[in-house]
Amino acid sequence: MERYRPAVSRMFLLVITAGLLIGYCTLRWLLGLSTIDNYESRYVFITGCDSGFGNLLAKRLDSMGFNVFAGCLTDEGAESLRKEVSPRLVTVDIDVTSEKKIHDAFVFVRDTLPDKTGLWAVVNNAGIACDPGPAEWFPRSEYERLMAVNVYGMIDVCRTFLPLIRKQHGRIVNCSSLSGRFAVGVAPYCVSKYGVEAYSDCLRRDLYVEGITVHMIEPLTFKTPMISNLPQRLRSAFERISPEMQAFYGQTYLEQCEVVVRKTIDTMVNPNTYLVVDDYVHAITSRFPRARYMPGNYTKYLLWVVWSLPEWIVDWMLSLMLPKPAGAK
């Protein structure tokens, strides 16, 4: 009997561990079902509502009864949105690369809110992408361009609107990306999203004692205007680099990369943009929202496997998938 005891002990430990894991997941799911009430008395400010996720989120929250301040960069975007929503939704002119525009938007929202009322949520959805290609293809100006919107704009909006969030003990929701946790192929975009992750983590921990929560939405590849014409944009990026660099990489490399990009679009781009909006809504309405949301299960599970592997194995696997420059030895 003695020789069976270690096996029995291991089996007992495995059963207990599995039971705890199932219990935790069940409890988390049940808590996630509990939502706030009185939507009609709550106010939400969203950036980047001209198109994409911000536009869809503004419409969804409006249909649920929320009072929405929809930040738009263009008059055309604001006018188009107003045609599809109720009079409750108010568009706000904002360019997140401009501190003055952010301050002006804050003043407008503050003065429009009812007396002694703040914002229940601020959603930093505004963001831009870059062309695909190797990291060295992109000059400093391209990194600065993406940082100005994706990071500095988000930071300025958070800092400027925080006093209105404090009035309601509300929450901040920032649009990050799984490219902020797994970097390959679009270095300027990845760098900016790593910045979103770092700032959001710091802010969440700073505000925890105040009862203000901070959340991140981390989509990967969804069918939005941000990923349109990627093969053509890859070629445009190649044409902008120096002749010496073009000679090093070669036309064959470019053509092979275009094939990889097309396959990625065919296999990984998710057309179900409502999944991202669902996570936004959960972060805004749940009594127990999660710190991070990863819309789309297939990418979530794939990346969990990648994160579990040693980095040298991941790098080796990627090297088998990605083309090799003509001048590489």
Protein backbone atom coordinates (compact mmCIF):
# COMPACT_ATOMS: atom_id res chain seq x y z
CA MET A 1 0.00 0.00 0.00
CA GLU A 2 2.87 2.36 0.74
CA ARG A 3 3.87 2.58 -2.90
CA TYR A 4 0.38 3.76 -3.93
CA ARG A 5 0.23 6.63 -1.44
CA PRO A 6 2.31 9.14 -3.50
CA ALA A 7 0.10 8.52 -6.54
CA VAL A 8 -3.07 8.93 -4.45
CA SER A 9 -1.69 12.14 -2.92
CA ARG A 10 -0.88 13.57 -6.34
CA MET A 11 -4.34 12.67 -7.63
CA PHE A 12 -5.96 14.30 -4.58
CA LEU A 13 -3.88 17.45 -5.10
CA LEU A 14 -4.83 17.52 -8.79
CA VAL A 15 -8.54 17.20 -7.97
CA ILE A 16 -8.33 19.97 -5.35
CA THR A 17 -6.46 22.26 -7.78
CA ALA A 18 -8.96 21.61 -10.57
CA GLY A 19 -11.85 22.23 -8.16
CA LEU A 20 -10.38 25.54 -7.01
CA LEU A 21 -9.77 26.64 -10.60
CA ILE A 22 -13.31 25.75 -11.66
CA GLY A 23 -14.69 27.46 -8.56
CA TYR A 24 -12.68 30.61 -9.25
CA CYS A 25 -13.79 30.77 -12.89
CA THR A 26 -17.41 30.18 -11.90
CA LEU A 27 -17.30 32.88 -9.23
CA ARG A 28 -15.65 35.31 -11.64
CA TRP A 29 -18.34 34.61 -14.23
CA LEU A 30 -21.16 35.07 -11.72
CA LEU A 31 -19.71 38.33 -10.41
CA GLY A 32 -19.39 39.56 -13.98
CA LEU A 33 -23.14 39.21 -14.46
CA SER A 34 -23.88 41.86 -11.81
CA THR A 35 -24.29 45.31 -13.37
CA ILE A 36 -24.79 48.87 -12.24
CA ASP A 37 -28.19 50.55 -12.61
CA ASN A 38 -29.57 53.99 -13.45
CA TYR A 39 -27.89 54.21 -16.86
CA GLU A 40 -29.98 57.28 -17.67
CA SER A 41 -28.32 59.26 -14.87
CA ARG A 42 -24.74 58.34 -15.83
CA TYR A 43 -22.46 60.23 -18.21
CA VAL A 44 -19.68 58.74 -20.34
CA PHE A 45 -17.01 60.52 -22.39
CA ILE A 46 -15.48 58.62 -25.33
CA THR A 47 -12.67 59.67 -27.67
CA GLY A 48 -12.28 58.51 -31.27
CA CYS A 49 -15.97 58.29 -32.19
CA ASP A 50 -15.64 59.24 -35.87
CA SER A 51 -15.45 55.56 -36.84
CA GLY A 52 -14.45 52.12 -35.62
CA PHE A 53 -14.95 50.88 -32.07
CA GLY A 54 -15.58 54.35 -30.63
CA ASN A 55 -18.38 54.99 -33.08
CA LEU A 56 -19.97 51.61 -32.36
CA LEU A 57 -19.59 52.05 -28.59
CA ALA A 58 -21.19 55.51 -28.64
CA LYS A 59 -24.22 54.12 -30.48
CA ARG A 60 -24.49 51.11 -28.15
CA LEU A 61 -24.31 53.16 -24.95
CA ASP A 62 -26.80 55.66 -26.36
CA SER A 63 -29.23 52.83 -27.12
CA MET A 64 -28.83 51.62 -23.52
CA GLY A 65 -29.84 54.99 -22.11
CA PHE A 66 -26.45 56.43 -21.13
CA ASN A 67 -25.70 60.10 -21.64
CA VAL A 68 -22.78 60.07 -24.04
CA PHE A 69 -20.21 62.73 -24.85
CA ALA A 70 -18.75 61.45 -28.13
CA GLY A 71 -15.37 62.94 -28.95
CA CYS A 72 -14.85 63.37 -32.69
CA LEU A 73 -11.85 64.63 -34.64
CA THR A 74 -13.77 65.77 -37.73
CA ASP A 75 -17.00 67.64 -38.37
CA GLU A 76 -17.96 64.95 -40.87
CA GLY A 77 -17.57 62.22 -38.28
CA ALA A 78 -19.60 64.14 -35.70
CA GLU A 79 -22.39 64.94 -38.16
CA SER A 80 -22.63 61.34 -39.36
CA LEU A 81 -22.83 60.04 -35.78
CA ARG A 82 -25.53 62.50 -34.76
CA LYS A 83 -27.79 61.18 -37.53
CA GLU A 84 -27.82 57.71 -35.98
CA VAL A 85 -28.34 58.43 -32.27
CA SER A 86 -30.77 60.04 -29.86
CA PRO A 87 -30.64 63.70 -28.76
CA ARG A 88 -29.01 62.53 -25.51
CA LEU A 89 -25.70 62.00 -27.29
CA VAL A 90 -23.60 65.14 -27.57
CA THR A 91 -20.60 65.29 -29.91
CA VAL A 92 -17.45 67.01 -28.69
CA ASP A 93 -14.70 68.45 -30.88
CA ILE A 94 -11.39 66.98 -29.74
CA ASP A 95 -7.94 66.27 -31.14
CA VAL A 96 -6.02 64.25 -28.55
CA THR A 97 -2.68 65.47 -29.92
CA SER A 98 -3.57 69.02 -28.81
CA GLU A 99 -3.49 69.93 -25.13
CA LYS A 100 -5.66 72.97 -25.89
CA LYS A 101 -8.29 70.88 -27.66
CA ILE A 102 -8.34 68.43 -24.74
CA HIS A 103 -8.74 71.30 -22.25
CA ASP A 104 -11.48 72.87 -24.36
CA ALA A 105 -13.30 69.53 -24.48
CA PHE A 106 -12.99 69.22 -20.70
CA VAL A 107 -14.46 72.69 -20.16
CA PHE A 108 -17.34 71.89 -22.52
CA VAL A 109 -18.13 68.60 -20.78
CA ARG A 110 -17.78 70.11 -17.30
CA ASP A 111 -20.08 73.00 -18.14
CA THR A 112 -22.63 70.74 -19.84
CA LEU A 113 -22.91 68.25 -16.98
CA PRO A 114 -25.68 68.86 -14.43
CA ASP A 115 -24.61 70.55 -11.18
CA LYS A 116 -22.64 68.33 -8.79
CA THR A 117 -22.46 65.59 -11.41
CA GLY A 118 -19.30 64.05 -12.81
CA LEU A 119 -18.46 61.40 -15.36
CA TRP A 120 -19.12 57.75 -14.70
CA ALA A 121 -16.54 56.70 -17.30
CA VAL A 122 -13.87 58.08 -19.60
CA VAL A 123 -13.05 55.84 -22.55
CA ASN A 124 -9.76 56.48 -24.31
CA ASN A 125 -10.58 54.83 -27.61
CA ALA A 126 -8.80 57.20 -30.02
CA GLY A 127 -5.84 55.53 -31.67
CA ILE A 128 -3.90 55.19 -34.91
CA ALA A 129 -1.83 52.44 -36.50
CA CYS A 130 1.26 52.38 -38.68
CA ASP A 131 2.24 50.55 -41.83
CA PRO A 132 3.62 47.02 -41.35
CA GLY A 133 7.32 46.29 -41.78
CA PRO A 134 10.59 45.66 -39.92
CA ALA A 135 11.45 48.02 -37.07
CA GLU A 136 14.34 49.71 -38.88
CA TRP A 137 12.08 50.85 -41.71
CA PHE A 138 10.49 53.47 -39.48
CA PRO A 139 12.17 56.77 -38.54
CA ARG A 140 11.82 58.51 -35.20
CA SER A 141 9.02 60.69 -36.60
CA GLU A 142 6.78 57.65 -37.09
CA TYR A 143 7.25 56.57 -33.48
CA GLU A 144 6.51 60.13 -32.36
CA ARG A 145 3.36 60.24 -34.52
CA LEU A 146 1.89 57.14 -32.90
CA MET A 147 3.00 58.08 -29.40
CA ALA A 148 1.31 61.48 -29.76
CA VAL A 149 -2.11 59.85 -30.22
CA ASN A 150 -1.93 56.44 -28.58
CA VAL A 151 0.05 57.39 -25.46
CA TYR A 152 0.40 61.13 -24.86
CA GLY A 153 -3.17 61.82 -25.93
CA MET A 154 -4.46 59.10 -23.61
CA ILE A 155 -2.36 60.41 -20.72
CA ASP A 156 -3.54 64.00 -21.21
CA VAL A 157 -7.19 62.93 -21.38
CA CYS A 158 -6.84 60.85 -18.21
CA ARG A 159 -5.15 63.66 -16.28
CA THR A 160 -7.51 66.36 -17.54
CA PHE A 161 -10.78 64.50 -16.98
CA LEU A 162 -9.84 62.78 -13.71
CA PRO A 163 -11.51 65.46 -11.53
CA LEU A 164 -14.85 64.65 -13.21
CA ILE A 165 -14.30 60.92 -12.63
CA ARG A 166 -13.54 61.58 -8.95
CA LYS A 167 -16.95 63.19 -8.50
CA GLN A 168 -18.66 59.90 -9.35
CA HIS A 169 -15.97 57.45 -8.20
CA GLY A 170 -16.17 56.22 -11.77
CA ARG A 171 -13.79 54.38 -14.02
CA ILE A 172 -11.33 54.83 -16.87
CA VAL A 173 -11.22 52.45 -19.84
CA ASN A 174 -8.20 52.58 -22.14
CA CYS A 175 -7.89 50.90 -25.52
CA SER A 176 -4.65 48.95 -25.58
CA SER A 177 -3.88 45.95 -27.78
CA LEU A 178 -2.42 42.49 -27.54
CA SER A 179 0.40 44.12 -29.54
CA GLY A 180 1.18 45.79 -26.23
CA ARG A 181 1.95 42.39 -24.75
CA PHE A 182 3.36 40.54 -27.77
CA ALA A 183 5.43 42.59 -30.20
CA VAL A 184 6.12 41.67 -33.80
CA GLY A 185 5.85 43.33 -37.22
CA VAL A 186 4.63 46.84 -36.37
CA ALA A 187 7.23 48.28 -34.00
CA PRO A 188 5.92 51.86 -33.67
CA TYR A 189 2.42 50.58 -32.89
CA CYS A 190 3.73 47.98 -30.42
CA VAL A 191 5.90 50.57 -28.66
CA SER A 192 2.90 52.86 -28.23
CA LYS A 193 0.67 50.09 -26.91
CA TYR A 194 3.31 48.94 -24.43
CA GLY A 195 3.14 52.54 -23.21
CA VAL A 196 -0.64 52.27 -22.82
CA GLU A 197 -0.19 49.11 -20.76
CA ALA A 198 2.43 50.64 -18.47
CA TYR A 199 0.55 53.89 -17.86
CA SER A 200 -2.76 52.11 -17.26
CA ASP A 201 -1.16 49.74 -14.75
CA CYS A 202 0.44 52.64 -12.86
CA LEU A 203 -2.77 54.67 -12.89
CA ARG A 204 -4.89 51.73 -11.74
CA ARG A 205 -2.65 51.15 -8.75
CA ASP A 206 -2.50 54.86 -7.91
CA LEU A 207 -6.30 55.23 -7.94
CA TYR A 208 -7.14 51.95 -6.23
CA VAL A 209 -7.38 53.55 -2.77
CA GLU A 210 -9.90 56.09 -4.14
CA GLY A 211 -12.26 53.45 -5.44
CA ILE A 212 -11.63 54.54 -9.04
CA THR A 213 -10.90 51.66 -11.39
CA VAL A 214 -8.85 51.52 -14.61
CA HIS A 215 -9.39 48.92 -17.32
CA MET A 216 -7.77 47.93 -20.61
CA ILE A 217 -9.34 46.51 -23.75
CA GLU A 218 -6.74 44.47 -25.65
CA PRO A 219 -8.02 43.52 -29.12
CA LEU A 220 -5.67 42.07 -31.70
CA THR A 221 -6.89 42.00 -35.31
CA PHE A 222 -10.49 43.04 -35.92
CA LYS A 223 -11.99 44.27 -39.16
CA THR A 224 -11.81 48.06 -38.81
CA PRO A 225 -10.49 50.88 -41.04
CA MET A 226 -7.22 50.64 -39.06
CA ILE A 227 -6.17 47.44 -40.84
CA SER A 228 -7.40 48.29 -44.33
CA ASN A 229 -5.05 47.93 -47.32
CA LEU A 230 -2.23 46.37 -45.30
CA PRO A 231 -0.42 44.78 -48.30
CA GLN A 232 -0.42 48.13 -50.14
CA ARG A 233 0.72 49.93 -47.01
CA LEU A 234 3.58 47.44 -46.62
CA ARG A 235 4.74 48.29 -50.15
CA SER A 236 4.42 52.03 -49.38
CA ALA A 237 6.61 51.60 -46.31
CA PHE A 238 9.20 49.75 -48.42
CA GLU A 239 9.22 52.52 -51.01
CA ARG A 240 9.95 55.14 -48.35
CA ILE A 241 13.15 53.55 -47.05
CA SER A 242 16.57 54.34 -48.48
CA PRO A 243 17.82 52.67 -51.70
CA GLU A 244 20.54 50.95 -49.67
CA MET A 245 17.97 49.43 -47.33
CA GLN A 246 15.77 48.42 -50.25
CA ALA A 247 18.72 46.61 -51.81
CA PHE A 248 19.45 44.83 -48.51
CA TYR A 249 15.89 43.53 -48.13
CA GLY A 250 15.16 42.98 -51.84
CA GLN A 251 11.98 42.74 -53.91
CA THR A 252 11.59 39.04 -53.15
CA TYR A 253 11.46 39.81 -49.43
CA LEU A 254 8.76 42.41 -50.03
CA GLU A 255 6.66 40.01 -52.13
CA GLN A 256 6.98 37.25 -49.53
CA CYS A 257 5.95 39.68 -46.78
CA GLU A 258 2.88 40.66 -48.79
CA VAL A 259 1.90 36.98 -48.91
CA VAL A 260 2.34 36.69 -45.12
CA VAL A 261 0.22 39.80 -44.55
CA ARG A 262 -2.57 38.49 -46.79
CA LYS A 263 -2.56 35.12 -45.02
CA THR A 264 -2.68 36.88 -41.67
CA ILE A 265 -5.70 38.90 -42.79
CA ASP A 266 -7.44 35.76 -44.08
CA THR A 267 -6.82 33.68 -40.97
CA MET A 268 -6.64 36.07 -38.02
CA VAL A 269 -8.77 39.15 -38.76
CA ASN A 270 -12.02 38.84 -36.82
CA PRO A 271 -15.07 40.44 -38.46
CA ASN A 272 -17.05 40.35 -35.20
CA THR A 273 -16.32 43.88 -33.99
CA TYR A 274 -19.22 43.60 -31.55
CA LEU A 275 -16.95 41.45 -29.35
CA VAL A 276 -14.78 44.49 -28.62
CA VAL A 277 -17.82 46.67 -27.99
CA ASP A 278 -19.23 44.00 -25.65
CA ASP A 279 -16.04 44.16 -23.58
CA TYR A 280 -16.14 47.96 -23.51
CA VAL A 281 -19.73 47.81 -22.27
CA HIS A 282 -18.85 45.24 -19.60
CA ALA A 283 -15.99 47.42 -18.35
CA ILE A 284 -18.41 50.35 -18.09
CA THR A 285 -21.48 48.58 -16.66
CA SER A 286 -20.23 45.68 -14.55
CA ARG A 287 -20.10 46.02 -10.77
CA PHE A 288 -16.96 43.87 -10.87
CA PRO A 289 -15.17 44.75 -14.12
CA ARG A 290 -11.91 43.08 -15.07
CA ALA A 291 -8.59 44.89 -15.29
CA ARG A 292 -7.96 43.46 -18.78
CA TYR A 293 -10.22 42.29 -21.57
CA MET A 294 -8.99 40.23 -24.54
CA PRO A 295 -11.78 40.11 -27.13
CA GLY A 296 -11.81 37.06 -29.36
CA ASN A 297 -11.04 33.68 -27.81
CA TYR A 298 -8.92 32.25 -30.62
CA THR A 299 -6.23 34.93 -30.33
CA LYS A 300 -6.45 34.84 -26.54
CA TYR A 301 -5.74 31.12 -26.33
CA LEU A 302 -3.08 31.26 -29.03
CA LEU A 303 -1.18 33.96 -27.17
CA TRP A 304 -1.52 32.19 -23.84
CA VAL A 305 0.40 29.32 -25.45
CA VAL A 306 3.00 31.73 -26.85
CA TRP A 307 3.43 33.48 -23.48
CA SER A 308 4.05 30.09 -21.84
CA LEU A 309 6.92 29.15 -24.16
CA PRO A 310 10.56 30.23 -23.73
CA GLU A 311 11.33 33.29 -25.82
CA TRP A 312 13.96 31.51 -27.91
CA ILE A 313 11.37 28.99 -29.05
CA VAL A 314 8.92 31.75 -30.00
CA ASP A 315 11.66 33.63 -31.88
CA TRP A 316 12.64 30.44 -33.72
CA MET A 317 9.03 29.71 -34.67
CA LEU A 318 8.56 33.24 -35.99
CA SER A 319 11.78 32.95 -38.01
CA LEU A 320 10.25 29.98 -39.83
CA MET A 321 7.17 32.01 -40.71
CA LEU A 322 8.74 35.34 -41.66
CA PRO A 323 10.79 36.01 -44.83
CA LYS A 324 14.55 36.58 -44.72
CA PRO A 325 16.15 39.71 -46.20
CA ALA A 326 18.18 39.11 -49.33
CA GLY A 327 21.31 40.60 -47.71
CA ALA A 328 21.07 38.60 -44.46
CA LYS A 329 23.80 36.01 -44.00
